[in-house]
Structures are given as C-alpha cells and as structure tokens.
Amino acid sequence: MKKFVILYKAPQSAESMMDSNSPEAAAEGMKLWMDWAAKAGDGLVDLGTPLGGGKVVGNSGVSDAETGVGGYSVLQAEDMDGALKLLEGHPHFLMSPEATIHVYEAFDIPGM
C-alpha cells in the first residue's frame, strides 16, 4: 500500500472557521468528518488536525504563510486512483465553493 498526504485548502483559515462556528455547527461539522473517516476505514492512516499560524522559511528569511492550507490527513491506497476514490463526498468540500483537496504520494526512501 502507498501512502498519500492530503492537504485541505480553503480561502478561510481553519482558525477563523472554528471561531465563527456555533457549538451546534461545530458538532455537525465534526459528525460529517467522523462519518467520512468511518467510510474511509483502513484507508485512513491519520485523520490529521487543522493547521494554522504557518510560516515560510527561505534563504531570505521568515514570513507569514498565506491562508490556504487548513489541515492535513494521511491515507493509504494501492494507487492514486484509490486515494482519490477515498476522497469522494469529503466534507471539506462543504466549507466553501473554492475549497480544494491536494493529494500527494509519499515516497519511501531506501535506508530511512
């Protein structure tokens, strides 16, 4: 099985989304995620967490990361098509019409 890193992107940060939700809306959102996790089954290696407060580090210094990546998960599947199938009907798409999910295969490095 191959592993895939899933990055959740949206125009609104995870922090502002969580801060603006009522407790009822937060509970409903969590239920949708838990339902998706149950459907993904053994294909879900790590549900992950929301992300925020990012920094960009480069040769010229450190700056604030743009809002965009709001969380991650780790999946396992036979191939990219299998990983994409696990993401069908994902609740992240309900956040915003501009919400996207980026999928990257994690490659094994011999000796590590």
Protein backbone atom coordinates (compact mmCIF):
# COMPACT_ATOMS: atom_id res chain seq x y z
CA MET A 1 0.00 0.00 0.00
CA LYS A 2 1.15 3.50 -0.82
CA LYS A 3 0.70 6.48 1.50
CA PHE A 4 -0.76 9.81 0.44
CA VAL A 5 -0.56 13.16 2.20
CA ILE A 6 -3.80 15.10 1.89
CA LEU A 7 -3.76 18.90 2.24
CA TYR A 8 -7.03 20.73 2.73
CA LYS A 9 -7.12 24.23 1.23
CA ALA A 10 -9.80 26.92 1.53
CA PRO A 11 -9.96 30.71 1.37
CA GLN A 12 -10.88 30.90 5.07
CA SER A 13 -8.37 29.78 7.71
CA ALA A 14 -9.18 26.82 9.95
CA GLU A 15 -8.92 29.11 12.99
CA SER A 16 -11.45 31.63 11.70
CA MET A 17 -13.79 28.85 10.61
CA MET A 18 -13.68 27.25 14.07
CA ASP A 19 -14.03 30.62 15.83
CA SER A 20 -17.08 31.61 13.78
CA ASN A 21 -18.99 28.32 14.19
CA SER A 22 -21.63 27.88 16.86
CA PRO A 23 -21.21 24.82 19.08
CA GLU A 24 -24.05 23.16 17.15
CA ALA A 25 -22.43 23.86 13.77
CA ALA A 26 -19.08 22.62 15.09
CA ALA A 27 -20.69 19.39 16.31
CA GLU A 28 -22.42 18.85 12.95
CA GLY A 29 -19.15 19.51 11.10
CA MET A 30 -17.33 17.02 13.32
CA LYS A 31 -20.04 14.42 12.68
CA LEU A 32 -19.58 14.82 8.91
CA TRP A 33 -15.82 14.31 9.29
CA MET A 34 -16.28 11.27 11.55
CA ASP A 35 -18.78 9.78 9.09
CA TRP A 36 -16.23 10.27 6.28
CA ALA A 37 -13.49 8.72 8.45
CA ALA A 38 -15.66 5.66 9.11
CA LYS A 39 -16.37 5.33 5.38
CA ALA A 40 -12.63 5.60 4.57
CA GLY A 41 -11.96 2.76 7.04
CA ASP A 42 -8.45 1.29 6.88
CA GLY A 43 -7.63 3.71 4.07
CA LEU A 44 -7.38 6.49 6.66
CA VAL A 45 -3.99 6.25 8.39
CA ASP A 46 -4.15 9.59 10.24
CA LEU A 47 -7.20 11.86 10.33
CA GLY A 48 -4.79 14.74 10.99
CA THR A 49 -5.63 18.10 12.52
CA PRO A 50 -6.44 21.65 11.48
CA LEU A 51 -3.37 23.79 10.75
CA GLY A 52 -2.76 27.48 11.23
CA GLY A 53 -0.25 30.19 12.01
CA GLY A 54 2.13 28.99 9.31
CA LYS A 55 5.49 30.49 8.41
CA VAL A 56 7.51 30.43 5.20
CA VAL A 57 11.24 29.88 5.76
CA GLY A 58 13.69 30.63 2.97
CA ASN A 59 17.20 31.89 2.30
CA SER A 60 15.94 35.47 2.57
CA GLY A 61 14.28 34.98 5.96
CA VAL A 62 10.95 34.11 7.52
CA SER A 63 7.50 35.46 6.63
CA ASP A 64 3.89 34.61 7.41
CA ALA A 65 2.39 31.87 5.26
CA GLU A 66 -0.66 32.83 3.25
CA THR A 67 -4.02 31.46 4.35
CA GLY A 68 -4.69 28.34 2.40
CA VAL A 69 -3.59 25.05 3.89
CA GLY A 70 -6.03 24.48 6.72
CA GLY A 71 -5.33 20.87 7.62
CA TYR A 72 -3.98 17.50 6.60
CA SER A 73 -4.74 13.79 6.64
CA VAL A 74 -2.77 10.70 5.63
CA LEU A 75 -4.39 7.99 3.51
CA GLN A 76 -3.19 4.63 2.24
CA ALA A 77 -4.29 3.04 -1.01
CA GLU A 78 -2.99 0.84 -3.81
CA ASP A 79 -2.52 3.86 -6.10
CA MET A 80 -3.53 7.48 -6.68
CA ASP A 81 -6.90 6.43 -8.11
CA GLY A 82 -7.63 4.52 -4.90
CA ALA A 83 -6.71 7.55 -2.79
CA LEU A 84 -8.92 9.81 -4.90
CA LYS A 85 -11.83 7.38 -4.51
CA LEU A 86 -11.50 7.64 -0.71
CA LEU A 87 -11.99 11.41 -1.03
CA GLU A 88 -15.31 11.23 -2.88
CA GLY A 89 -18.01 13.06 -0.93
CA HIS A 90 -15.46 14.53 1.50
CA PRO A 91 -16.97 17.09 3.94
CA HIS A 92 -14.17 19.59 3.26
CA PHE A 93 -15.93 20.49 0.01
CA LEU A 94 -18.87 21.83 2.07
CA MET A 95 -16.68 24.58 3.59
CA SER A 96 -16.65 26.78 0.51
CA PRO A 97 -17.14 26.57 -3.25
CA GLU A 98 -13.40 27.33 -3.51
CA ALA A 99 -12.35 24.52 -1.13
CA THR A 100 -9.88 22.08 -2.66
CA ILE A 101 -8.02 18.97 -1.60
CA HIS A 102 -4.43 18.43 -2.72
CA VAL A 103 -3.20 14.83 -2.84
CA TYR A 104 0.50 13.90 -2.82
CA GLU A 105 2.03 10.44 -2.85
CA ALA A 106 4.60 9.95 -0.07
CA PHE A 107 7.57 8.07 -1.50
CA ASP A 108 9.65 5.62 0.52
CA ILE A 109 13.35 6.45 0.67
CA PRO A 110 15.63 3.41 0.95
CA GLY A 111 17.63 3.44 4.17
CA MET A 112 15.26 5.72 6.07
